[in-house]
C-alpha cells in the first residue's frame, strides 16, 4: 500500500504542477492550481514514511486514506457545486483528475484493508 500512496501522490503533484504551469503560460496563474500538488506531497510523504517504519505502517496508511478521501470530497464537491456551469478548462480537468486519483486510492486502500483483515 505504501507504493500505491507514493504513486498516487506523485500523480497528484504532477497534476498540480501542470495546472500551475498552464496557468502561468496563459497568464491566469493561481496558487489554487497547486492544491492537488499539496495533497500529493502529503500522500507521497505518508507512503515514504510507511515504507520505512513497519510499526507505524497501518496508522500512516489510514492517515493517507483520510487525506485522499478529503481530497476526493473537496474536488468532487467543488465540481458538483458548479455542475450547471462547468466548461472545459484546465481547472476543471485538474479537479476531475484529482477527484479520480483520490477516489482510486481510497478504493484500492479499502480493498487492501479488507484483504489484510481476511488474511488474519
PDB file of N, CA and C in Angstrom:
ATOM      1  N   UNK A   1       0.796  -1.200   0.000  1.00  0.00           N
ATOM      2  CA  UNK A   1       0.000   0.000   0.000  1.00  0.00           C
ATOM      3  C   UNK A   1       0.846   1.276   0.000  1.00  0.00           C
ATOM      4  N   UNK A   2       2.025   1.277   0.657  1.00  0.00           N
ATOM      5  CA  UNK A   2       2.856   2.491   0.586  1.00  0.00           C
ATOM      6  C   UNK A   2       3.247   2.848  -0.845  1.00  0.00           C
ATOM      7  N   UNK A   3       3.473   1.846  -1.673  1.00  0.00           N
ATOM      8  CA  UNK A   3       3.833   2.112  -3.075  1.00  0.00           C
ATOM      9  C   UNK A   3       2.681   2.785  -3.811  1.00  0.00           C
ATOM     10  N   UNK A   4       1.463   2.368  -3.514  1.00  0.00           N
ATOM     11  CA  UNK A   4       0.285   2.975  -4.131  1.00  0.00           C
ATOM     12  C   UNK A   4       0.149   4.427  -3.687  1.00  0.00           C
ATOM     13  N   UNK A   5       0.422   4.670  -2.409  1.00  0.00           N
ATOM     14  CA  UNK A   5       0.367   6.036  -1.888  1.00  0.00           C
ATOM     15  C   UNK A   5       1.416   6.916  -2.574  1.00  0.00           C
ATOM     16  N   UNK A   6       2.595   6.371  -2.751  1.00  0.00           N
ATOM     17  CA  UNK A   6       3.663   7.122  -3.423  1.00  0.00           C
ATOM     18  C   UNK A   6       3.291   7.404  -4.876  1.00  0.00           C
ATOM     19  N   UNK A   7       2.742   6.404  -5.556  1.00  0.00           N
ATOM     20  CA  UNK A   7       2.368   6.582  -6.971  1.00  0.00           C
ATOM     21  C   UNK A   7       1.245   7.609  -7.119  1.00  0.00           C
ATOM     22  N   UNK A   8       0.215   7.500  -6.292  1.00  0.00           N
ATOM     23  CA  UNK A   8      -0.896   8.458  -6.375  1.00  0.00           C
ATOM     24  C   UNK A   8      -0.447   9.854  -5.960  1.00  0.00           C
ATOM     25  N   UNK A   9       0.421   9.932  -4.962  1.00  0.00           N
ATOM     26  CA  UNK A   9       0.963  11.221  -4.554  1.00  0.00           C
ATOM     27  C   UNK A   9       1.754  11.874  -5.665  1.00  0.00           C
ATOM     28  N   UNK A  10       2.552  11.083  -6.355  1.00  0.00           N
ATOM     29  CA  UNK A  10       3.339  11.604  -7.474  1.00  0.00           C
ATOM     30  C   UNK A  10       2.429  12.109  -8.586  1.00  0.00           C
ATOM     31  N   UNK A  11       1.377  11.351  -8.889  1.00  0.00           N
ATOM     32  CA  UNK A  11       0.415  11.783  -9.917  1.00  0.00           C
ATOM     33  C   UNK A  11      -0.239  13.109  -9.534  1.00  0.00           C
ATOM     34  N   UNK A  12      -0.618  13.246  -8.277  1.00  0.00           N
ATOM     35  CA  UNK A  12      -1.255  14.483  -7.835  1.00  0.00           C
ATOM     36  C   UNK A  12      -0.294  15.666  -7.889  1.00  0.00           C
ATOM     37  N   UNK A  13       0.968  15.435  -7.546  1.00  0.00           N
ATOM     38  CA  UNK A  13       1.966  16.504  -7.653  1.00  0.00           C
ATOM     39  C   UNK A  13       2.097  16.941  -9.109  1.00  0.00           C
ATOM     40  N   UNK A  14       2.146  15.973 -10.021  1.00  0.00           N
ATOM     41  CA  UNK A  14       2.241  16.305 -11.450  1.00  0.00           C
ATOM     42  C   UNK A  14       1.002  17.067 -11.926  1.00  0.00           C
ATOM     43  N   UNK A  15      -0.178  16.646 -11.489  1.00  0.00           N
ATOM     44  CA  UNK A  15      -1.411  17.349 -11.871  1.00  0.00           C
ATOM     45  C   UNK A  15      -1.360  18.796 -11.396  1.00  0.00           C
ATOM     46  N   UNK A  16      -0.956  18.998 -10.159  1.00  0.00           N
ATOM     47  CA  UNK A  16      -0.869  20.350  -9.620  1.00  0.00           C
ATOM     48  C   UNK A  16       0.151  21.211 -10.343  1.00  0.00           C
ATOM     49  N   UNK A  17       1.320  20.639 -10.605  1.00  0.00           N
ATOM     50  CA  UNK A  17       2.366  21.407 -11.289  1.00  0.00           C
ATOM     51  C   UNK A  17       1.963  21.732 -12.724  1.00  0.00           C
ATOM     52  N   UNK A  18       1.366  20.756 -13.407  1.00  0.00           N
ATOM     53  CA  UNK A  18       0.917  21.013 -14.783  1.00  0.00           C
ATOM     54  C   UNK A  18      -0.175  22.077 -14.817  1.00  0.00           C
ATOM     55  N   UNK A  19      -1.078  22.030 -13.852  1.00  0.00           N
ATOM     56  CA  UNK A  19      -2.127  23.043 -13.784  1.00  0.00           C
ATOM     57  C   UNK A  19      -1.560  24.426 -13.547  1.00  0.00           C
ATOM     58  N   UNK A  20      -0.561  24.520 -12.666  1.00  0.00           N
ATOM     59  CA  UNK A  20       0.036  25.825 -12.381  1.00  0.00           C
ATOM     60  C   UNK A  20       0.830  26.336 -13.575  1.00  0.00           C
ATOM     61  N   UNK A  21       1.609  25.454 -14.208  1.00  0.00           N
ATOM     62  CA  UNK A  21       2.382  25.856 -15.385  1.00  0.00           C
ATOM     63  C   UNK A  21       1.449  26.303 -16.504  1.00  0.00           C
ATOM     64  N   UNK A  22       0.345  25.596 -16.695  1.00  0.00           N
ATOM     65  CA  UNK A  22      -0.640  26.005 -17.696  1.00  0.00           C
ATOM     66  C   UNK A  22      -1.168  27.399 -17.376  1.00  0.00           C
ATOM     67  N   UNK A  23      -1.438  27.662 -16.109  1.00  0.00           N
ATOM     68  CA  UNK A  23      -1.908  28.982 -15.712  1.00  0.00           C
ATOM     69  C   UNK A  23      -0.878  30.067 -15.975  1.00  0.00           C
ATOM     70  N   UNK A  24       0.377  29.767 -15.711  1.00  0.00           N
ATOM     71  CA  UNK A  24       1.449  30.737 -15.971  1.00  0.00           C
ATOM     72  C   UNK A  24       1.550  31.028 -17.461  1.00  0.00           C
ATOM     73  N   UNK A  25       1.435  29.989 -18.274  1.00  0.00           N
ATOM     74  CA  UNK A  25       1.561  30.161 -19.721  1.00  0.00           C
ATOM     75  C   UNK A  25       0.389  30.939 -20.313  1.00  0.00           C
ATOM     76  N   UNK A  26      -0.768  30.892 -19.678  1.00  0.00           N
ATOM     77  CA  UNK A  26      -1.944  31.599 -20.202  1.00  0.00           C
ATOM     78  C   UNK A  26      -2.240  32.878 -19.422  1.00  0.00           C
ATOM     79  N   UNK A  27      -1.309  33.291 -18.572  1.00  0.00           N
ATOM     80  CA  UNK A  27      -1.458  34.489 -17.738  1.00  0.00           C
ATOM     81  C   UNK A  27      -2.670  34.423 -16.813  1.00  0.00           C
ATOM     82  N   UNK A  28      -2.997  33.214 -16.350  1.00  0.00           N
ATOM     83  CA  UNK A  28      -4.084  33.017 -15.388  1.00  0.00           C
ATOM     84  C   UNK A  28      -3.586  32.218 -14.190  1.00  0.00           C
ATOM     85  N   UNK A  29      -2.327  32.440 -13.813  1.00  0.00           N
ATOM     86  CA  UNK A  29      -1.775  31.626 -12.735  1.00  0.00           C
ATOM     87  C   UNK A  29      -2.475  31.905 -11.408  1.00  0.00           C
ATOM     88  N   UNK A  30      -2.625  30.825 -10.663  1.00  0.00           N
ATOM     89  CA  UNK A  30      -3.257  30.907  -9.358  1.00  0.00           C
ATOM     90  C   UNK A  30      -2.658  29.804  -8.492  1.00  0.00           C
ATOM     91  N   UNK A  31      -2.395  30.140  -7.243  1.00  0.00           N
ATOM     92  CA  UNK A  31      -1.829  29.139  -6.350  1.00  0.00           C
ATOM     93  C   UNK A  31      -2.823  28.022  -6.054  1.00  0.00           C
ATOM     94  N   UNK A  32      -4.102  28.252  -6.283  1.00  0.00           N
ATOM     95  CA  UNK A  32      -5.078  27.185  -6.070  1.00  0.00           C
ATOM     96  C   UNK A  32      -4.864  26.029  -7.044  1.00  0.00           C
ATOM     97  N   UNK A  33      -4.193  26.285  -8.149  1.00  0.00           N
ATOM     98  CA  UNK A  33      -3.878  25.210  -9.087  1.00  0.00           C
ATOM     99  C   UNK A  33      -2.915  24.195  -8.464  1.00  0.00           C
ATOM    100  N   UNK A  34      -2.235  24.607  -7.405  1.00  0.00           N
ATOM    101  CA  UNK A  34      -1.278  23.721  -6.739  1.00  0.00           C
ATOM    102  C   UNK A  34      -1.911  22.851  -5.652  1.00  0.00           C
ATOM    103  N   UNK A  35      -3.208  22.983  -5.417  1.00  0.00           N
ATOM    104  CA  UNK A  35      -3.868  22.192  -4.378  1.00  0.00           C
ATOM    105  C   UNK A  35      -3.658  20.690  -4.586  1.00  0.00           C
ATOM    106  N   UNK A  36      -3.802  20.155  -5.808  1.00  0.00           N
ATOM    107  CA  UNK A  36      -3.517  18.724  -5.977  1.00  0.00           C
ATOM    108  C   UNK A  36      -2.074  18.368  -5.602  1.00  0.00           C
ATOM    109  N   UNK A  37      -1.147  19.270  -5.856  1.00  0.00           N
ATOM    110  CA  UNK A  37       0.248  19.008  -5.510  1.00  0.00           C
ATOM    111  C   UNK A  37       0.431  18.936  -4.001  1.00  0.00           C
ATOM    112  N   UNK A  38      -0.250  19.799  -3.263  1.00  0.00           N
ATOM    113  CA  UNK A  38      -0.136  19.769  -1.806  1.00  0.00           C
ATOM    114  C   UNK A  38      -0.691  18.463  -1.237  1.00  0.00           C
ATOM    115  N   UNK A  39      -1.836  18.037  -1.742  1.00  0.00           N
ATOM    116  CA  UNK A  39      -2.411  16.756  -1.317  1.00  0.00           C
ATOM    117  C   UNK A  39      -1.470  15.622  -1.716  1.00  0.00           C
ATOM    118  N   UNK A  40      -0.900  15.720  -2.914  1.00  0.00           N
ATOM    119  CA  UNK A  40       0.033  14.700  -3.395  1.00  0.00           C
ATOM    120  C   UNK A  40       1.283  14.601  -2.548  1.00  0.00           C
ATOM    121  N   UNK A  41       1.804  15.734  -2.112  1.00  0.00           N
ATOM    122  CA  UNK A  41       3.001  15.724  -1.266  1.00  0.00           C
ATOM    123  C   UNK A  41       2.720  14.998   0.044  1.00  0.00           C
ATOM    124  N   UNK A  42       1.548  15.241   0.616  1.00  0.00           N
ATOM    125  CA  UNK A  42       1.180  14.559   1.868  1.00  0.00           C
ATOM    126  C   UNK A  42       1.089  13.054   1.639  1.00  0.00           C
ATOM    127  N   UNK A  43       0.422  12.629   0.557  1.00  0.00           N
ATOM    128  CA  UNK A  43       0.319  11.194   0.260  1.00  0.00           C
ATOM    129  C   UNK A  43       1.690  10.589  -0.006  1.00  0.00           C
ATOM    130  N   UNK A  44       2.514  11.310  -0.721  1.00  0.00           N
ATOM    131  CA  UNK A  44       3.861  10.855  -1.033  1.00  0.00           C
ATOM    132  C   UNK A  44       4.673  10.654   0.241  1.00  0.00           C
ATOM    133  N   UNK A  45       4.644  11.632   1.124  1.00  0.00           N
ATOM    134  CA  UNK A  45       5.395  11.534   2.382  1.00  0.00           C
ATOM    135  C   UNK A  45       4.862  10.422   3.283  1.00  0.00           C
ATOM    136  N   UNK A  46       3.552  10.290   3.364  1.00  0.00           N
ATOM    137  CA  UNK A  46       2.986   9.209   4.169  1.00  0.00           C
ATOM    138  C   UNK A  46       3.401   7.842   3.626  1.00  0.00           C
ATOM    139  N   UNK A  47       3.427   7.704   2.302  1.00  0.00           N
ATOM    140  CA  UNK A  47       3.872   6.450   1.698  1.00  0.00           C
ATOM    141  C   UNK A  47       5.339   6.161   1.975  1.00  0.00           C
ATOM    142  N   UNK A  48       6.172   7.178   1.886  1.00  0.00           N
ATOM    143  CA  UNK A  48       7.603   7.009   2.147  1.00  0.00           C
ATOM    144  C   UNK A  48       7.833   6.629   3.611  1.00  0.00           C
ATOM    145  N   UNK A  49       7.180   7.342   4.525  1.00  0.00           N
ATOM    146  CA  UNK A  49       7.351   7.039   5.949  1.00  0.00           C
ATOM    147  C   UNK A  49       6.805   5.659   6.291  1.00  0.00           C
ATOM    148  N   UNK A  50       5.693   5.258   5.676  1.00  0.00           N
ATOM    149  CA  UNK A  50       5.112   3.937   5.926  1.00  0.00           C
ATOM    150  C   UNK A  50       6.040   2.838   5.426  1.00  0.00           C
ATOM    151  N   UNK A  51       6.730   3.094   4.348  1.00  0.00           N
ATOM    152  CA  UNK A  51       7.667   2.117   3.808  1.00  0.00           C
ATOM    153  C   UNK A  51       8.870   1.940   4.742  1.00  0.00           C
ATOM    154  N   UNK A  52       9.277   3.023   5.381  1.00  0.00           N
ATOM    155  CA  UNK A  52      10.459   2.985   6.246  1.00  0.00           C
ATOM    156  C   UNK A  52      10.157   2.503   7.665  1.00  0.00           C
ATOM    157  N   UNK A  53       8.929   2.663   8.138  1.00  0.00           N
ATOM    158  CA  UNK A  53       8.600   2.332   9.518  1.00  0.00           C
ATOM    159  C   UNK A  53       7.471   1.308   9.557  1.00  0.00           C
ATOM    160  N   UNK A  54       7.830   0.058   9.677  1.00  0.00           N
ATOM    161  CA  UNK A  54       6.861  -1.033   9.667  1.00  0.00           C
ATOM    162  C   UNK A  54       5.857  -0.924  10.818  1.00  0.00           C
ATOM    163  N   UNK A  55       6.314  -0.470  11.977  1.00  0.00           N
ATOM    164  CA  UNK A  55       5.448  -0.373  13.142  1.00  0.00           C
ATOM    165  C   UNK A  55       4.336   0.659  12.988  1.00  0.00           C
ATOM    166  N   UNK A  56       4.580   1.694  12.216  1.00  0.00           N
ATOM    167  CA  UNK A  56       3.578   2.748  12.012  1.00  0.00           C
ATOM    168  C   UNK A  56       2.838   2.625  10.686  1.00  0.00           C
ATOM    169  N   UNK A  57       3.145   1.584   9.918  1.00  0.00           N
ATOM    170  CA  UNK A  57       2.577   1.458   8.571  1.00  0.00           C
ATOM    171  C   UNK A  57       1.052   1.546   8.556  1.00  0.00           C
ATOM    172  N   UNK A  58       0.389   0.793   9.433  1.00  0.00           N
ATOM    173  CA  UNK A  58      -1.081   0.806   9.448  1.00  0.00           C
ATOM    174  C   UNK A  58      -1.623   2.211   9.710  1.00  0.00           C
ATOM    175  N   UNK A  59      -1.051   2.862  10.707  1.00  0.00           N
ATOM    176  CA  UNK A  59      -1.530   4.198  11.062  1.00  0.00           C
ATOM    177  C   UNK A  59      -1.285   5.197   9.931  1.00  0.00           C
ATOM    178  N   UNK A  60      -0.118   5.115   9.327  1.00  0.00           N
ATOM    179  CA  UNK A  60       0.212   6.045   8.246  1.00  0.00           C
ATOM    180  C   UNK A  60      -0.665   5.804   7.024  1.00  0.00           C
ATOM    181  N   UNK A  61      -0.972   4.555   6.733  1.00  0.00           N
ATOM    182  CA  UNK A  61      -1.824   4.265   5.581  1.00  0.00           C
ATOM    183  C   UNK A  61      -3.276   4.676   5.854  1.00  0.00           C
ATOM    184  N   UNK A  62      -3.718   4.541   7.094  1.00  0.00           N
ATOM    185  CA  UNK A  62      -5.051   5.042   7.423  1.00  0.00           C
ATOM    186  C   UNK A  62      -5.094   6.568   7.287  1.00  0.00           C
ATOM    187  N   UNK A  63      -4.026   7.223   7.691  1.00  0.00           N
ATOM    188  CA  UNK A  63      -3.956   8.686   7.528  1.00  0.00           C
ATOM    189  C   UNK A  63      -3.953   9.049   6.045  1.00  0.00           C
ATOM    190  N   UNK A  64      -3.249   8.261   5.232  1.00  0.00           N
ATOM    191  CA  UNK A  64      -3.204   8.525   3.788  1.00  0.00           C
ATOM    192  C   UNK A  64      -4.591   8.383   3.170  1.00  0.00           C
ATOM    193  N   UNK A  65      -5.342   7.378   3.605  1.00  0.00           N
ATOM    194  CA  UNK A  65      -6.700   7.196   3.084  1.00  0.00           C
ATOM    195  C   UNK A  65      -7.581   8.371   3.489  1.00  0.00           C
ATOM    196  N   UNK A  66      -7.415   8.848   4.703  1.00  0.00           N
ATOM    197  CA  UNK A  66      -8.193  10.006   5.151  1.00  0.00           C
ATOM    198  C   UNK A  66      -7.871  11.237   4.306  1.00  0.00           C
ATOM    199  N   UNK A  67      -6.590  11.456   4.023  1.00  0.00           N
ATOM    200  CA  UNK A  67      -6.176  12.594   3.187  1.00  0.00           C
ATOM    201  C   UNK A  67      -6.774  12.449   1.792  1.00  0.00           C
ATOM    202  N   UNK A  68      -6.700  11.238   1.225  1.00  0.00           N
ATOM    203  CA  UNK A  68      -7.241  11.016  -0.117  1.00  0.00           C
ATOM    204  C   UNK A  68      -8.762  11.183  -0.135  1.00  0.00           C
ATOM    205  N   UNK A  69      -9.425  10.710   0.902  1.00  0.00           N
ATOM    206  CA  UNK A  69     -10.875  10.866   0.973  1.00  0.00           C
ATOM    207  C   UNK A  69     -11.263  12.344   1.048  1.00  0.00           C
ATOM    208  N   UNK A  70     -10.542  13.103   1.869  1.00  0.00           N
ATOM    209  CA  UNK A  70     -10.806  14.543   1.943  1.00  0.00           C
ATOM    210  C   UNK A  70     -10.507  15.232   0.610  1.00  0.00           C
ATOM    211  N   UNK A  71      -9.443  14.797  -0.059  1.00  0.00           N
ATOM    212  CA  UNK A  71      -9.116  15.345  -1.380  1.00  0.00           C
ATOM    213  C   UNK A  71     -10.209  15.053  -2.388  1.00  0.00           C
ATOM    214  N   UNK A  72     -10.737  13.831  -2.341  1.00  0.00           N
ATOM    215  CA  UNK A  72     -11.827  13.472  -3.252  1.00  0.00           C
ATOM    216  C   UNK A  72     -13.076  14.298  -2.952  1.00  0.00           C
ATOM    217  N   UNK A  73     -13.445  14.364  -1.673  1.00  0.00           N
ATOM    218  CA  UNK A  73     -14.660  15.100  -1.304  1.00  0.00           C
ATOM    219  C   UNK A  73     -14.549  16.580  -1.658  1.00  0.00           C
ATOM    220  N   UNK A  74     -13.379  17.157  -1.457  1.00  0.00           N
ATOM    221  CA  UNK A  74     -13.196  18.576  -1.771  1.00  0.00           C
ATOM    222  C   UNK A  74     -13.290  18.830  -3.274  1.00  0.00           C
ATOM    223  N   UNK A  75     -12.581  18.030  -4.052  1.00  0.00           N
ATOM    224  CA  UNK A  75     -12.586  18.271  -5.505  1.00  0.00           C
ATOM    225  C   UNK A  75     -13.926  17.879  -6.129  1.00  0.00           C
ATOM    226  N   UNK A  76     -14.486  16.763  -5.725  1.00  0.00           N
ATOM    227  CA  UNK A  76     -15.783  16.348  -6.274  1.00  0.00           C
ATOM    228  C   UNK A  76     -16.886  17.306  -5.821  1.00  0.00           C
ATOM    229  N   UNK A  77     -16.822  17.746  -4.583  1.00  0.00           N
ATOM    230  CA  UNK A  77     -17.814  18.704  -4.081  1.00  0.00           C
ATOM    231  C   UNK A  77     -17.771  20.001  -4.847  1.00  0.00           C
ATOM    232  N   UNK A  78     -16.576  20.452  -5.163  1.00  0.00           N
ATOM    233  CA  UNK A  78     -16.424  21.683  -5.944  1.00  0.00           C
ATOM    234  C   UNK A  78     -17.024  21.503  -7.343  1.00  0.00           C
ATOM    235  N   UNK A  79     -16.787  20.339  -7.936  1.00  0.00           N
ATOM    236  CA  UNK A  79     -17.338  20.071  -9.268  1.00  0.00           C
ATOM    237  C   UNK A  79     -18.860  19.997  -9.235  1.00  0.00           C
ATOM    238  N   UNK A  80     -19.403  19.325  -8.243  1.00  0.00           N
ATOM    239  CA  UNK A  80     -20.859  19.174  -8.140  1.00  0.00           C
ATOM    240  C   UNK A  80     -21.519  20.532  -7.918  1.00  0.00           C
ATOM    241  N   UNK A  81     -20.873  21.392  -7.127  1.00  0.00           N
ATOM    242  CA  UNK A  81     -21.468  22.704  -6.859  1.00  0.00           C
ATOM    243  C   UNK A  81     -21.530  23.579  -8.112  1.00  0.00           C
ATOM    244  N   UNK A  82     -20.677  23.286  -9.089  1.00  0.00           N
ATOM    245  CA  UNK A  82     -20.664  24.058 -10.336  1.00  0.00           C
ATOM    246  C   UNK A  82     -21.215  23.253 -11.514  1.00  0.00           C
ATOM    247  N   UNK A  83     -21.942  22.213 -11.234  1.00  0.00           N
ATOM    248  CA  UNK A  83     -22.369  21.281 -12.276  1.00  0.00           C
ATOM    249  C   UNK A  83     -23.081  21.946 -13.436  1.00  0.00           C
ATOM    250  N   UNK A  84     -23.912  22.912 -13.182  1.00  0.00           N
ATOM    251  CA  UNK A  84     -24.664  23.564 -14.243  1.00  0.00           C
ATOM    252  C   UNK A  84     -23.831  24.479 -15.115  1.00  0.00           C
ATOM    253  N   UNK A  85     -22.720  24.965 -14.598  1.00  0.00           N
ATOM    254  CA  UNK A  85     -21.930  25.949 -15.349  1.00  0.00           C
ATOM    255  C   UNK A  85     -20.513  25.469 -15.661  1.00  0.00           C
ATOM    256  N   UNK A  86     -20.301  24.157 -15.685  1.00  0.00           N
ATOM    257  CA  UNK A  86     -18.968  23.639 -15.986  1.00  0.00           C
ATOM    258  C   UNK A  86     -18.635  23.837 -17.459  1.00  0.00           C
ATOM    259  N   UNK A  87     -17.416  24.260 -17.694  1.00  0.00           N
ATOM    260  CA  UNK A  87     -16.928  24.359 -19.061  1.00  0.00           C
ATOM    261  C   UNK A  87     -15.572  23.673 -19.113  1.00  0.00           C
ATOM    262  N   UNK A  88     -15.181  23.265 -20.279  1.00  0.00           N
ATOM    263  CA  UNK A  88     -13.906  22.577 -20.428  1.00  0.00           C
ATOM    264  C   UNK A  88     -12.776  23.583 -20.227  1.00  0.00           C
ATOM    265  N   UNK A  89     -12.053  23.416 -19.138  1.00  0.00           N
ATOM    266  CA  UNK A  89     -10.928  24.294 -18.850  1.00  0.00           C
ATOM    267  C   UNK A  89      -9.875  23.497 -18.095  1.00  0.00           C
ATOM    268  N   UNK A  90      -8.705  24.086 -17.965  1.00  0.00           N
ATOM    269  CA  UNK A  90      -7.624  23.418 -17.242  1.00  0.00           C
ATOM    270  C   UNK A  90      -8.008  23.194 -15.784  1.00  0.00           C
ATOM    271  N   UNK A  91      -8.729  24.131 -15.195  1.00  0.00           N
ATOM    272  CA  UNK A  91      -9.139  23.991 -13.796  1.00  0.00           C
ATOM    273  C   UNK A  91     -10.082  22.800 -13.617  1.00  0.00           C
ATOM    274  N   UNK A  92     -11.012  22.639 -14.524  1.00  0.00           N
ATOM    275  CA  UNK A  92     -11.962  21.524 -14.442  1.00  0.00           C
ATOM    276  C   UNK A  92     -11.233  20.198 -14.654  1.00  0.00           C
ATOM    277  N   UNK A  93     -10.335  20.163 -15.628  1.00  0.00           N
ATOM    278  CA  UNK A  93      -9.557  18.946 -15.877  1.00  0.00           C
ATOM    279  C   UNK A  93      -8.737  18.585 -14.644  1.00  0.00           C
ATOM    280  N   UNK A  94      -8.140  19.580 -14.012  1.00  0.00           N
ATOM    281  CA  UNK A  94      -7.351  19.354 -12.813  1.00  0.00           C
ATOM    282  C   UNK A  94      -8.213  18.829 -11.668  1.00  0.00           C
ATOM    283  N   UNK A  95      -9.396  19.408 -11.485  1.00  0.00           N
ATOM    284  CA  UNK A  95     -10.290  18.963 -10.410  1.00  0.00           C
ATOM    285  C   UNK A  95     -10.793  17.544 -10.657  1.00  0.00           C
ATOM    286  N   UNK A  96     -11.157  17.242 -11.899  1.00  0.00           N
ATOM    287  CA  UNK A  96     -11.622  15.896 -12.232  1.00  0.00           C
ATOM    288  C   UNK A  96     -10.491  14.899 -12.036  1.00  0.00           C
ATOM    289  N   UNK A  97      -9.288  15.251 -12.478  1.00  0.00           N
ATOM    290  CA  UNK A  97      -8.134  14.364 -12.322  1.00  0.00           C
ATOM    291  C   UNK A  97      -7.837  14.101 -10.853  1.00  0.00           C
ATOM    292  N   UNK A  98      -7.870  15.145 -10.049  1.00  0.00           N
ATOM    293  CA  UNK A  98      -7.618  14.986  -8.615  1.00  0.00           C
ATOM    294  C   UNK A  98      -8.677  14.094  -7.984  1.00  0.00           C
ATOM    295  N   UNK A  99      -9.929  14.323  -8.321  1.00  0.00           N
ATOM    296  CA  UNK A  99     -11.008  13.512  -7.763  1.00  0.00           C
ATOM    297  C   UNK A  99     -10.830  12.039  -8.139  1.00  0.00           C
ATOM    298  N   UNK A 100     -10.492  11.773  -9.384  1.00  0.00           N
ATOM    299  CA  UNK A 100     -10.327  10.383  -9.834  1.00  0.00           C
ATOM    300  C   UNK A 100      -9.144   9.695  -9.171  1.00  0.00           C
ATOM    301  N   UNK A 101      -8.016  10.388  -9.071  1.00  0.00           N
ATOM    302  CA  UNK A 101      -6.825   9.788  -8.448  1.00  0.00           C
ATOM    303  C   UNK A 101      -7.098   9.521  -6.967  1.00  0.00           C
ATOM    304  N   UNK A 102      -7.699  10.474  -6.284  1.00  0.00           N
ATOM    305  CA  UNK A 102      -8.009  10.296  -4.858  1.00  0.00           C
ATOM    306  C   UNK A 102      -9.008   9.165  -4.652  1.00  0.00           C
ATOM    307  N   UNK A 103     -10.044   9.109  -5.479  1.00  0.00           N
ATOM    308  CA  UNK A 103     -11.040   8.047  -5.364  1.00  0.00           C
ATOM    309  C   UNK A 103     -10.407   6.685  -5.633  1.00  0.00           C
ATOM    310  N   UNK A 104      -9.572   6.601  -6.643  1.00  0.00           N
ATOM    311  CA  UNK A 104      -8.889   5.345  -6.955  1.00  0.00           C
ATOM    312  C   UNK A 104      -8.045   4.886  -5.765  1.00  0.00           C
ATOM    313  N   UNK A 105      -7.324   5.819  -5.152  1.00  0.00           N
ATOM    314  CA  UNK A 105      -6.508   5.456  -3.996  1.00  0.00           C
ATOM    315  C   UNK A 105      -7.379   4.960  -2.846  1.00  0.00           C
ATOM    316  N   UNK A 106      -8.482   5.633  -2.579  1.00  0.00           N
ATOM    317  CA  UNK A 106      -9.375   5.213  -1.490  1.00  0.00           C
ATOM    318  C   UNK A 106      -9.910   3.809  -1.764  1.00  0.00           C
ATOM    319  N   UNK A 107     -10.334   3.545  -2.982  1.00  0.00           N
ATOM    320  CA  UNK A 107     -10.867   2.223  -3.332  1.00  0.00           C
ATOM    321  C   UNK A 107      -9.803   1.150  -3.165  1.00  0.00           C
ATOM    322  N   UNK A 108      -8.606   1.412  -3.686  1.00  0.00           N
ATOM    323  CA  UNK A 108      -7.522   0.429  -3.561  1.00  0.00           C
ATOM    324  C   UNK A 108      -7.127   0.206  -2.103  1.00  0.00           C
ATOM    325  N   UNK A 109      -7.132   1.262  -1.312  1.00  0.00           N
ATOM    326  CA  UNK A 109      -6.764   1.137   0.100  1.00  0.00           C
ATOM    327  C   UNK A 109      -7.814   0.339   0.863  1.00  0.00           C
ATOM    328  N   UNK A 110      -9.073   0.617   0.635  1.00  0.00           N
ATOM    329  CA  UNK A 110     -10.126  -0.130   1.326  1.00  0.00           C
ATOM    330  C   UNK A 110     -10.058  -1.601   0.950  1.00  0.00           C
ATOM    331  N   UNK A 111      -9.825  -1.885  -0.325  1.00  0.00           N
ATOM    332  CA  UNK A 111      -9.668  -3.274  -0.757  1.00  0.00           C
ATOM    333  C   UNK A 111      -8.481  -3.924  -0.056  1.00  0.00           C
ATOM    334  N   UNK A 112      -7.385  -3.206   0.054  1.00  0.00           N
ATOM    335  CA  UNK A 112      -6.200  -3.726   0.730  1.00  0.00           C
ATOM    336  C   UNK A 112      -6.481  -3.980   2.207  1.00  0.00           C
ATOM    337  N   UNK A 113      -7.203  -3.067   2.860  1.00  0.00           N
ATOM    338  CA  UNK A 113      -7.538  -3.241   4.272  1.00  0.00           C
ATOM    339  C   UNK A 113      -8.423  -4.471   4.465  1.00  0.00           C
ATOM    340  N   UNK A 114      -9.388  -4.651   3.584  1.00  0.00           N
ATOM    341  CA  UNK A 114     -10.281  -5.813   3.669  1.00  0.00           C
ATOM    342  C   UNK A 114      -9.497  -7.101   3.460  1.00  0.00           C
ATOM    343  N   UNK A 115      -8.628  -7.122   2.454  1.00  0.00           N
ATOM    344  CA  UNK A 115      -7.802  -8.302   2.190  1.00  0.00           C
ATOM    345  C   UNK A 115      -6.902  -8.630   3.379  1.00  0.00           C
ATOM    346  N   UNK A 116      -6.324  -7.606   3.986  1.00  0.00           N
ATOM    347  CA  UNK A 116      -5.442  -7.819   5.145  1.00  0.00           C
ATOM    348  C   UNK A 116      -6.236  -8.370   6.322  1.00  0.00           C
ATOM    349  N   UNK A 117      -7.442  -7.877   6.519  1.00  0.00           N
ATOM    350  CA  UNK A 117      -8.283  -8.348   7.625  1.00  0.00           C
ATOM    351  C   UNK A 117      -8.681  -9.806   7.416  1.00  0.00           C
ATOM    352  N   UNK A 118      -8.989 -10.171   6.175  1.00  0.00           N
ATOM    353  CA  UNK A 118      -9.374 -11.554   5.880  1.00  0.00           C
ATOM    354  C   UNK A 118      -8.203 -12.512   6.039  1.00  0.00           C
ATOM    355  N   UNK A 119      -6.988 -12.027   5.815  1.00  0.00           N
ATOM    356  CA  UNK A 119      -5.805 -12.867   5.884  1.00  0.00           C
ATOM    357  C   UNK A 119      -5.426 -13.199   7.329  1.00  0.00           C
ATOM    358  N   UNK A 120      -5.984 -12.459   8.283  1.00  0.00           N
ATOM    359  CA  UNK A 120      -5.618 -12.676   9.691  1.00  0.00           C
ATOM    360  C   UNK A 120      -6.335 -13.852  10.273  1.00  0.00           C
TER     361      UNK A 120
END
